[in-house]
């Protein structure tokens, strides 16, 4: 959904499907995004995922990231100037 429209929709989460080798390698995971109270253009991202160690144990890992807007190279921008999916 469009970011502005998403603010007024009657749910607090969304599911996105797609192949991403960075995440598909984990047998179980959940990801939480929420706005920063101090920086209106930033989001916090808290993934929790299960990994299998080299000795076969199943271990849950947590991370905490702050996501901020960044400039994107012109050749990676879409015609409307957005950068959805740019890396």
N, C-alpha and C. Protein backbone atom coordinates (compact mmCIF):
# COMPACT_ATOMS: atom_id res chain seq x y z
N UNK A 1 0.84 -1.19 0.00
CA UNK A 1 0.00 0.00 0.00
C UNK A 1 0.88 1.24 0.00
N UNK A 2 0.36 2.28 -0.51
CA UNK A 2 1.05 3.57 -0.51
C UNK A 2 1.26 4.01 0.94
N UNK A 3 2.43 4.59 1.28
CA UNK A 3 2.71 4.96 2.68
C UNK A 3 1.62 5.83 3.31
N UNK A 4 1.09 6.81 2.58
CA UNK A 4 0.04 7.66 3.14
C UNK A 4 -1.24 6.86 3.38
N UNK A 5 -1.60 6.02 2.42
CA UNK A 5 -2.81 5.21 2.56
C UNK A 5 -2.66 4.21 3.70
N UNK A 6 -1.47 3.69 3.88
CA UNK A 6 -1.24 2.68 4.91
C UNK A 6 -1.51 3.22 6.31
N UNK A 7 -1.35 4.51 6.50
CA UNK A 7 -1.58 5.10 7.82
C UNK A 7 -3.05 5.09 8.20
N UNK A 8 -3.93 5.07 7.22
CA UNK A 8 -5.36 5.15 7.52
C UNK A 8 -6.08 3.82 7.37
N UNK A 9 -5.38 2.77 7.04
CA UNK A 9 -6.01 1.47 6.88
C UNK A 9 -6.24 0.83 8.25
N UNK A 10 -7.26 -0.02 8.37
CA UNK A 10 -7.66 -0.54 9.68
C UNK A 10 -6.83 -1.72 10.21
N UNK A 11 -5.58 -1.82 9.86
CA UNK A 11 -4.75 -2.88 10.42
C UNK A 11 -3.39 -2.30 10.79
N UNK A 12 -2.66 -3.04 11.61
CA UNK A 12 -1.39 -2.55 12.10
C UNK A 12 -0.21 -3.30 11.51
N UNK A 13 -0.44 -4.24 10.60
CA UNK A 13 0.66 -4.98 9.99
C UNK A 13 0.27 -5.40 8.59
N UNK A 14 1.28 -5.78 7.85
CA UNK A 14 1.08 -6.25 6.48
C UNK A 14 1.96 -7.47 6.26
N UNK A 15 1.55 -8.32 5.36
CA UNK A 15 2.38 -9.46 4.97
C UNK A 15 2.85 -9.21 3.54
N UNK A 16 4.13 -9.39 3.31
CA UNK A 16 4.68 -9.22 1.98
C UNK A 16 5.31 -10.55 1.58
N UNK A 17 4.95 -11.03 0.41
CA UNK A 17 5.50 -12.30 -0.07
C UNK A 17 6.50 -12.06 -1.19
N UNK A 18 7.51 -12.86 -1.22
CA UNK A 18 8.48 -12.76 -2.29
C UNK A 18 9.74 -13.50 -1.91
N UNK A 19 10.53 -13.82 -2.89
CA UNK A 19 11.77 -14.54 -2.65
C UNK A 19 12.88 -13.55 -2.33
N UNK A 20 13.53 -13.75 -1.22
CA UNK A 20 14.66 -12.93 -0.83
C UNK A 20 15.65 -13.85 -0.13
N UNK A 21 16.76 -14.19 -0.77
CA UNK A 21 17.71 -15.13 -0.17
C UNK A 21 18.26 -14.67 1.17
N UNK A 22 18.23 -13.37 1.43
CA UNK A 22 18.71 -12.89 2.72
C UNK A 22 17.82 -13.36 3.86
N UNK A 23 16.54 -13.59 3.58
CA UNK A 23 15.60 -13.99 4.62
C UNK A 23 15.11 -15.42 4.45
N UNK A 24 15.03 -15.90 3.23
CA UNK A 24 14.49 -17.23 2.97
C UNK A 24 15.39 -18.34 3.52
N UNK A 25 16.60 -18.01 3.91
CA UNK A 25 17.52 -19.02 4.44
C UNK A 25 17.18 -19.40 5.87
N UNK A 26 16.33 -18.63 6.55
CA UNK A 26 16.00 -18.91 7.94
C UNK A 26 14.72 -19.74 8.02
N UNK A 27 14.69 -20.77 8.88
CA UNK A 27 13.51 -21.63 8.96
C UNK A 27 12.31 -20.95 9.62
N UNK A 28 12.51 -19.94 10.42
CA UNK A 28 11.41 -19.22 11.06
C UNK A 28 11.88 -17.81 11.39
N UNK A 29 10.98 -16.85 11.25
CA UNK A 29 11.35 -15.47 11.50
C UNK A 29 10.12 -14.61 11.63
N UNK A 30 10.27 -13.48 12.28
CA UNK A 30 9.26 -12.44 12.21
C UNK A 30 9.98 -11.09 12.26
N UNK A 31 9.37 -10.11 11.61
CA UNK A 31 9.99 -8.81 11.44
C UNK A 31 9.00 -7.73 11.84
N UNK A 32 9.45 -6.79 12.64
CA UNK A 32 8.60 -5.71 13.10
C UNK A 32 9.21 -4.39 12.68
N UNK A 33 8.39 -3.53 12.06
CA UNK A 33 8.79 -2.18 11.72
C UNK A 33 7.90 -1.23 12.50
N UNK A 34 8.47 -0.17 13.06
CA UNK A 34 7.64 0.82 13.74
C UNK A 34 8.33 2.18 13.66
N UNK A 35 7.52 3.26 13.70
CA UNK A 35 8.08 4.60 13.54
C UNK A 35 8.92 5.02 14.74
N UNK A 36 9.88 5.86 14.48
CA UNK A 36 10.70 6.44 15.54
C UNK A 36 9.94 7.60 16.17
N UNK A 37 9.97 7.68 17.49
CA UNK A 37 9.30 8.80 18.16
C UNK A 37 10.12 10.07 18.07
N UNK A 38 11.45 9.95 17.91
CA UNK A 38 12.31 11.13 17.90
C UNK A 38 12.61 11.66 16.51
N UNK A 39 12.54 10.80 15.50
CA UNK A 39 12.87 11.21 14.13
C UNK A 39 11.71 10.81 13.21
N UNK A 40 10.91 11.77 12.76
CA UNK A 40 9.71 11.44 11.99
C UNK A 40 9.95 10.74 10.66
N UNK A 41 11.16 10.81 10.11
CA UNK A 41 11.43 10.15 8.84
C UNK A 41 12.11 8.79 9.02
N UNK A 42 12.34 8.38 10.26
CA UNK A 42 13.03 7.11 10.51
C UNK A 42 12.06 6.03 10.97
N UNK A 43 12.48 4.78 10.74
CA UNK A 43 11.76 3.61 11.24
C UNK A 43 12.73 2.76 12.05
N UNK A 44 12.19 2.01 13.00
CA UNK A 44 12.96 0.98 13.67
C UNK A 44 12.55 -0.36 13.07
N UNK A 45 13.51 -1.24 12.93
CA UNK A 45 13.30 -2.56 12.33
C UNK A 45 13.86 -3.59 13.29
N UNK A 46 13.01 -4.48 13.79
CA UNK A 46 13.42 -5.50 14.75
C UNK A 46 13.13 -6.90 14.21
N UNK A 47 14.08 -7.50 13.49
CA UNK A 47 13.87 -8.88 13.05
C UNK A 47 14.24 -9.88 14.16
N UNK A 48 13.49 -10.97 14.23
CA UNK A 48 13.81 -12.10 15.11
C UNK A 48 13.77 -13.32 14.21
N UNK A 49 14.84 -14.11 14.22
CA UNK A 49 14.91 -15.23 13.29
C UNK A 49 15.63 -16.40 13.92
N UNK A 50 15.28 -17.58 13.46
CA UNK A 50 15.89 -18.81 13.97
C UNK A 50 16.96 -19.27 12.99
N UNK A 51 18.12 -19.60 13.52
CA UNK A 51 19.20 -20.11 12.69
C UNK A 51 19.61 -21.49 13.20
N UNK A 52 20.17 -22.27 12.31
CA UNK A 52 20.72 -23.56 12.71
C UNK A 52 22.23 -23.41 12.75
N UNK A 53 22.83 -23.70 13.91
CA UNK A 53 24.27 -23.57 14.06
C UNK A 53 24.98 -24.73 13.37
N UNK A 54 26.29 -24.60 13.22
CA UNK A 54 27.05 -25.66 12.54
C UNK A 54 27.00 -26.99 13.30
N UNK A 55 26.72 -26.92 14.61
CA UNK A 55 26.60 -28.17 15.37
C UNK A 55 25.15 -28.65 15.48
N UNK A 56 24.23 -28.04 14.70
CA UNK A 56 22.86 -28.51 14.60
C UNK A 56 21.86 -27.93 15.58
N UNK A 57 22.30 -27.02 16.47
CA UNK A 57 21.35 -26.41 17.41
C UNK A 57 20.47 -25.39 16.70
N UNK A 58 19.24 -25.21 17.18
CA UNK A 58 18.32 -24.18 16.69
C UNK A 58 18.40 -23.01 17.67
N UNK A 59 18.80 -21.83 17.18
CA UNK A 59 19.01 -20.67 18.03
C UNK A 59 18.22 -19.48 17.49
N UNK A 60 17.49 -18.80 18.37
CA UNK A 60 16.78 -17.58 17.98
C UNK A 60 17.71 -16.39 18.15
N UNK A 61 17.74 -15.51 17.15
CA UNK A 61 18.58 -14.31 17.17
C UNK A 61 17.70 -13.08 17.02
N UNK A 62 18.10 -11.99 17.67
CA UNK A 62 17.38 -10.73 17.57
C UNK A 62 18.34 -9.64 17.11
N UNK A 63 17.81 -8.68 16.37
CA UNK A 63 18.57 -7.51 15.95
C UNK A 63 17.68 -6.28 16.12
N UNK A 64 18.30 -5.12 16.15
CA UNK A 64 17.57 -3.86 16.28
C UNK A 64 18.26 -2.84 15.37
N UNK A 65 17.55 -2.39 14.33
CA UNK A 65 18.13 -1.47 13.34
C UNK A 65 17.30 -0.20 13.25
N UNK A 66 17.97 0.90 13.01
CA UNK A 66 17.29 2.16 12.69
C UNK A 66 17.42 2.37 11.19
N UNK A 67 16.31 2.60 10.53
CA UNK A 67 16.28 2.80 9.08
C UNK A 67 16.00 4.27 8.81
N UNK A 68 16.84 4.90 8.02
CA UNK A 68 16.66 6.31 7.70
C UNK A 68 16.66 6.50 6.19
N UNK A 69 15.98 7.55 5.72
CA UNK A 69 16.00 7.82 4.28
C UNK A 69 17.43 8.10 3.80
N UNK A 70 17.68 7.78 2.57
CA UNK A 70 19.00 8.03 1.99
C UNK A 70 18.85 8.41 0.53
N UNK A 71 19.85 9.03 0.01
CA UNK A 71 19.81 9.35 -1.42
C UNK A 71 20.13 8.09 -2.21
N UNK A 72 19.56 7.99 -3.38
CA UNK A 72 19.72 6.80 -4.22
C UNK A 72 20.26 7.26 -5.57
N UNK A 73 21.21 6.52 -6.10
CA UNK A 73 21.79 6.85 -7.40
C UNK A 73 20.69 6.98 -8.45
N UNK A 74 20.85 7.92 -9.35
CA UNK A 74 19.81 8.20 -10.34
C UNK A 74 19.45 6.98 -11.18
N UNK A 75 20.43 6.15 -11.52
CA UNK A 75 20.13 4.99 -12.36
C UNK A 75 19.34 3.90 -11.63
N UNK A 76 19.19 4.01 -10.30
CA UNK A 76 18.39 3.06 -9.54
C UNK A 76 16.99 3.57 -9.24
N UNK A 77 16.72 4.84 -9.53
CA UNK A 77 15.41 5.42 -9.26
C UNK A 77 14.40 5.03 -10.32
N UNK A 78 13.15 4.91 -9.89
CA UNK A 78 12.04 4.68 -10.82
C UNK A 78 11.67 6.00 -11.49
N UNK A 79 10.91 5.96 -12.57
CA UNK A 79 10.55 7.21 -13.27
C UNK A 79 9.89 8.26 -12.36
N UNK A 80 9.17 7.82 -11.33
CA UNK A 80 8.53 8.79 -10.43
C UNK A 80 9.48 9.30 -9.35
N UNK A 81 10.75 8.88 -9.39
CA UNK A 81 11.75 9.35 -8.43
C UNK A 81 11.88 8.47 -7.19
N UNK A 82 10.99 7.49 -7.03
CA UNK A 82 11.06 6.62 -5.86
C UNK A 82 12.20 5.60 -6.02
N UNK A 83 12.50 4.92 -4.95
CA UNK A 83 13.60 3.97 -4.97
C UNK A 83 13.21 2.63 -4.38
N UNK A 84 11.95 2.22 -4.54
CA UNK A 84 11.49 0.95 -3.97
C UNK A 84 12.38 -0.19 -4.43
N UNK A 85 12.96 -0.89 -3.47
CA UNK A 85 13.77 -2.05 -3.79
C UNK A 85 15.21 -1.74 -4.16
N UNK A 86 15.58 -0.46 -4.21
CA UNK A 86 16.98 -0.12 -4.56
C UNK A 86 17.90 -0.55 -3.43
N UNK A 87 19.10 -0.99 -3.79
CA UNK A 87 20.08 -1.40 -2.79
C UNK A 87 21.35 -0.64 -2.96
